[in-house]
């Protein structure tokens, strides 16, 4: 059972990246999935979530209108499309799963989710 996050990299300000979170060993559709990020010297924060089953979406104010979360249950994958990236978006991004979870923006502690991915580094710099 694991989550695999990927898709990070170096991008210029204003650019785009798409992160992927692939689940193996369990059915992603029954879990709320969240994307979190942690910048150097800062606490981990919730970025975006998609709820189990009905797929309601939630976004931190800092990314609204720029990031889009989606899921493909057939591929057992959740995506985070990140557009108009800013230097302040630089961080390690993690995905996490919580059974029948809804909004996750205030649930950034490890114990608040059932599974965590390993993290993927996003660097926004010119």
C-alpha atoms as a PDB file:
ATOM      1  CA  UNK A   1       0.000   0.000   0.000  1.00  0.00           C
ATOM      2  CA  UNK A   2       1.531   3.288  -1.032  1.00  0.00           C
ATOM      3  CA  UNK A   3       1.130   6.695  -2.617  1.00  0.00           C
ATOM      4  CA  UNK A   4       3.631   7.840  -5.200  1.00  0.00           C
ATOM      5  CA  UNK A   5       3.903  11.570  -5.878  1.00  0.00           C
ATOM      6  CA  UNK A   6       5.705  12.816  -8.966  1.00  0.00           C
ATOM      7  CA  UNK A   7       5.859  15.663 -11.453  1.00  0.00           C
ATOM      8  CA  UNK A   8       7.889  18.236  -9.590  1.00  0.00           C
ATOM      9  CA  UNK A   9      10.747  20.154 -11.130  1.00  0.00           C
ATOM     10  CA  UNK A  10      12.234  23.545 -11.884  1.00  0.00           C
ATOM     11  CA  UNK A  11       9.977  26.032 -13.620  1.00  0.00           C
ATOM     12  CA  UNK A  12      10.131  29.753 -14.300  1.00  0.00           C
ATOM     13  CA  UNK A  13       7.651  32.138 -12.703  1.00  0.00           C
ATOM     14  CA  UNK A  14       4.412  32.074 -14.655  1.00  0.00           C
ATOM     15  CA  UNK A  15       4.996  28.515 -15.784  1.00  0.00           C
ATOM     16  CA  UNK A  16       3.017  25.340 -15.159  1.00  0.00           C
ATOM     17  CA  UNK A  17       3.519  21.886 -13.716  1.00  0.00           C
ATOM     18  CA  UNK A  18       1.221  18.928 -13.192  1.00  0.00           C
ATOM     19  CA  UNK A  19       1.759  16.755 -10.157  1.00  0.00           C
ATOM     20  CA  UNK A  20       0.496  13.185 -10.002  1.00  0.00           C
ATOM     21  CA  UNK A  21      -0.334  11.050  -6.991  1.00  0.00           C
ATOM     22  CA  UNK A  22      -0.717   7.363  -7.834  1.00  0.00           C
ATOM     23  CA  UNK A  23      -2.153   4.923  -5.334  1.00  0.00           C
ATOM     24  CA  UNK A  24      -1.306   1.259  -5.219  1.00  0.00           C
ATOM     25  CA  UNK A  25      -2.830  -1.346  -2.957  1.00  0.00           C
ATOM     26  CA  UNK A  26      -6.069   0.496  -2.271  1.00  0.00           C
ATOM     27  CA  UNK A  27      -8.946   2.152  -4.154  1.00  0.00           C
ATOM     28  CA  UNK A  28      -8.301   5.859  -4.360  1.00  0.00           C
ATOM     29  CA  UNK A  29     -11.958   6.760  -4.957  1.00  0.00           C
ATOM     30  CA  UNK A  30     -12.896   5.844  -1.385  1.00  0.00           C
ATOM     31  CA  UNK A  31     -10.370   8.280   0.007  1.00  0.00           C
ATOM     32  CA  UNK A  32     -10.192  12.012   0.288  1.00  0.00           C
ATOM     33  CA  UNK A  33      -6.888  13.103  -1.236  1.00  0.00           C
ATOM     34  CA  UNK A  34      -4.973  16.180  -0.246  1.00  0.00           C
ATOM     35  CA  UNK A  35      -1.953  17.985  -1.574  1.00  0.00           C
ATOM     36  CA  UNK A  36       0.253  19.635   1.018  1.00  0.00           C
ATOM     37  CA  UNK A  37       3.475  21.564   0.741  1.00  0.00           C
ATOM     38  CA  UNK A  38       6.339  22.451   2.983  1.00  0.00           C
ATOM     39  CA  UNK A  39       8.794  25.201   2.204  1.00  0.00           C
ATOM     40  CA  UNK A  40      12.187  25.421   3.954  1.00  0.00           C
ATOM     41  CA  UNK A  41      11.757  26.722   7.477  1.00  0.00           C
ATOM     42  CA  UNK A  42       7.976  26.650   7.301  1.00  0.00           C
ATOM     43  CA  UNK A  43       5.279  24.323   8.515  1.00  0.00           C
ATOM     44  CA  UNK A  44       3.472  21.997   6.171  1.00  0.00           C
ATOM     45  CA  UNK A  45       0.290  23.550   4.817  1.00  0.00           C
ATOM     46  CA  UNK A  46      -2.748  22.291   2.957  1.00  0.00           C
ATOM     47  CA  UNK A  47      -2.901  23.317  -0.690  1.00  0.00           C
ATOM     48  CA  UNK A  48      -5.861  21.483  -2.186  1.00  0.00           C
ATOM     49  CA  UNK A  49      -8.149  18.553  -1.478  1.00  0.00           C
ATOM     50  CA  UNK A  50     -10.645  16.410  -3.325  1.00  0.00           C
ATOM     51  CA  UNK A  51     -13.190  14.533  -1.263  1.00  0.00           C
ATOM     52  CA  UNK A  52     -13.953  10.839  -1.369  1.00  0.00           C
ATOM     53  CA  UNK A  53     -16.786   9.635  -3.597  1.00  0.00           C
ATOM     54  CA  UNK A  54     -18.482  12.922  -4.662  1.00  0.00           C
ATOM     55  CA  UNK A  55     -15.207  14.656  -5.503  1.00  0.00           C
ATOM     56  CA  UNK A  56     -15.793  18.057  -3.939  1.00  0.00           C
ATOM     57  CA  UNK A  57     -12.734  20.252  -4.235  1.00  0.00           C
ATOM     58  CA  UNK A  58     -11.099  22.679  -1.820  1.00  0.00           C
ATOM     59  CA  UNK A  59      -8.286  25.168  -2.286  1.00  0.00           C
ATOM     60  CA  UNK A  60      -6.118  27.328  -0.092  1.00  0.00           C
ATOM     61  CA  UNK A  61      -6.652  31.030  -0.765  1.00  0.00           C
ATOM     62  CA  UNK A  62      -3.088  31.386  -1.991  1.00  0.00           C
ATOM     63  CA  UNK A  63      -3.666  28.988  -4.912  1.00  0.00           C
ATOM     64  CA  UNK A  64      -7.300  29.609  -5.839  1.00  0.00           C
ATOM     65  CA  UNK A  65      -7.693  30.305  -9.536  1.00  0.00           C
ATOM     66  CA  UNK A  66      -4.216  28.951 -10.299  1.00  0.00           C
ATOM     67  CA  UNK A  67      -4.286  25.309  -9.158  1.00  0.00           C
ATOM     68  CA  UNK A  68      -6.789  22.620 -10.108  1.00  0.00           C
ATOM     69  CA  UNK A  69      -7.154  19.253  -8.422  1.00  0.00           C
ATOM     70  CA  UNK A  70      -8.751  16.316 -10.213  1.00  0.00           C
ATOM     71  CA  UNK A  71      -8.925  12.568  -9.979  1.00  0.00           C
ATOM     72  CA  UNK A  72      -8.996   9.694 -12.448  1.00  0.00           C
ATOM     73  CA  UNK A  73     -10.391   6.740 -10.546  1.00  0.00           C
ATOM     74  CA  UNK A  74      -9.720   4.350 -13.426  1.00  0.00           C
ATOM     75  CA  UNK A  75      -6.017   5.171 -13.103  1.00  0.00           C
ATOM     76  CA  UNK A  76      -6.156   5.408  -9.320  1.00  0.00           C
ATOM     77  CA  UNK A  77      -4.515   8.808  -9.663  1.00  0.00           C
ATOM     78  CA  UNK A  78      -5.078  12.351  -8.420  1.00  0.00           C
ATOM     79  CA  UNK A  79      -3.573  15.288 -10.275  1.00  0.00           C
ATOM     80  CA  UNK A  80      -2.691  18.817  -9.247  1.00  0.00           C
ATOM     81  CA  UNK A  81      -2.435  21.165 -12.211  1.00  0.00           C
ATOM     82  CA  UNK A  82      -0.447  24.215 -11.176  1.00  0.00           C
ATOM     83  CA  UNK A  83      -0.525  27.276 -13.424  1.00  0.00           C
ATOM     84  CA  UNK A  84       0.850  30.799 -13.062  1.00  0.00           C
ATOM     85  CA  UNK A  85       3.437  29.539 -10.631  1.00  0.00           C
ATOM     86  CA  UNK A  86       5.121  32.002  -8.300  1.00  0.00           C
ATOM     87  CA  UNK A  87       8.426  31.800  -6.411  1.00  0.00           C
ATOM     88  CA  UNK A  88       6.445  31.468  -3.186  1.00  0.00           C
ATOM     89  CA  UNK A  89       5.023  28.186  -4.490  1.00  0.00           C
ATOM     90  CA  UNK A  90       8.478  26.650  -4.106  1.00  0.00           C
ATOM     91  CA  UNK A  91       8.225  23.715  -1.697  1.00  0.00           C
ATOM     92  CA  UNK A  92       8.183  19.971  -1.379  1.00  0.00           C
ATOM     93  CA  UNK A  93       4.696  18.819  -2.295  1.00  0.00           C
ATOM     94  CA  UNK A  94       3.137  15.770  -0.671  1.00  0.00           C
ATOM     95  CA  UNK A  95      -0.069  13.913  -1.334  1.00  0.00           C
ATOM     96  CA  UNK A  96      -1.995  12.173   1.408  1.00  0.00           C
ATOM     97  CA  UNK A  97      -5.083   9.972   1.629  1.00  0.00           C
ATOM     98  CA  UNK A  98      -7.755   9.760   4.330  1.00  0.00           C
ATOM     99  CA  UNK A  99     -10.545   7.174   4.175  1.00  0.00           C
ATOM    100  CA  UNK A 100     -13.872   8.880   3.321  1.00  0.00           C
ATOM    101  CA  UNK A 101     -12.128  12.192   3.817  1.00  0.00           C
ATOM    102  CA  UNK A 102     -13.520  15.589   2.828  1.00  0.00           C
ATOM    103  CA  UNK A 103     -11.735  18.894   3.187  1.00  0.00           C
ATOM    104  CA  UNK A 104      -8.170  18.420   4.330  1.00  0.00           C
ATOM    105  CA  UNK A 105      -6.854  21.998   4.351  1.00  0.00           C
ATOM    106  CA  UNK A 106      -6.574  22.110   8.148  1.00  0.00           C
ATOM    107  CA  UNK A 107      -5.342  18.524   8.483  1.00  0.00           C
ATOM    108  CA  UNK A 108      -1.623  18.763   7.764  1.00  0.00           C
ATOM    109  CA  UNK A 109      -0.367  16.439  10.503  1.00  0.00           C
ATOM    110  CA  UNK A 110       0.848  12.986   9.516  1.00  0.00           C
ATOM    111  CA  UNK A 111      -1.496  11.238  11.932  1.00  0.00           C
ATOM    112  CA  UNK A 112      -4.508  12.877  10.294  1.00  0.00           C
ATOM    113  CA  UNK A 113      -4.162  10.810   7.145  1.00  0.00           C
ATOM    114  CA  UNK A 114      -3.932   7.104   6.463  1.00  0.00           C
ATOM    115  CA  UNK A 115      -1.235   7.276   3.793  1.00  0.00           C
ATOM    116  CA  UNK A 116       1.372   9.791   2.655  1.00  0.00           C
ATOM    117  CA  UNK A 117       3.418  10.003  -0.507  1.00  0.00           C
ATOM    118  CA  UNK A 118       7.146  10.656  -0.408  1.00  0.00           C
ATOM    119  CA  UNK A 119       7.094  14.228  -1.701  1.00  0.00           C
ATOM    120  CA  UNK A 120       8.152  15.913  -4.925  1.00  0.00           C
ATOM    121  CA  UNK A 121      10.139  19.145  -5.092  1.00  0.00           C
ATOM    122  CA  UNK A 122       8.744  22.130  -6.964  1.00  0.00           C
ATOM    123  CA  UNK A 123      11.124  25.025  -7.543  1.00  0.00           C
ATOM    124  CA  UNK A 124       9.873  28.227  -9.136  1.00  0.00           C
ATOM    125  CA  UNK A 125      12.765  30.426 -10.089  1.00  0.00           C
ATOM    126  CA  UNK A 126      14.137  32.432 -12.975  1.00  0.00           C
END
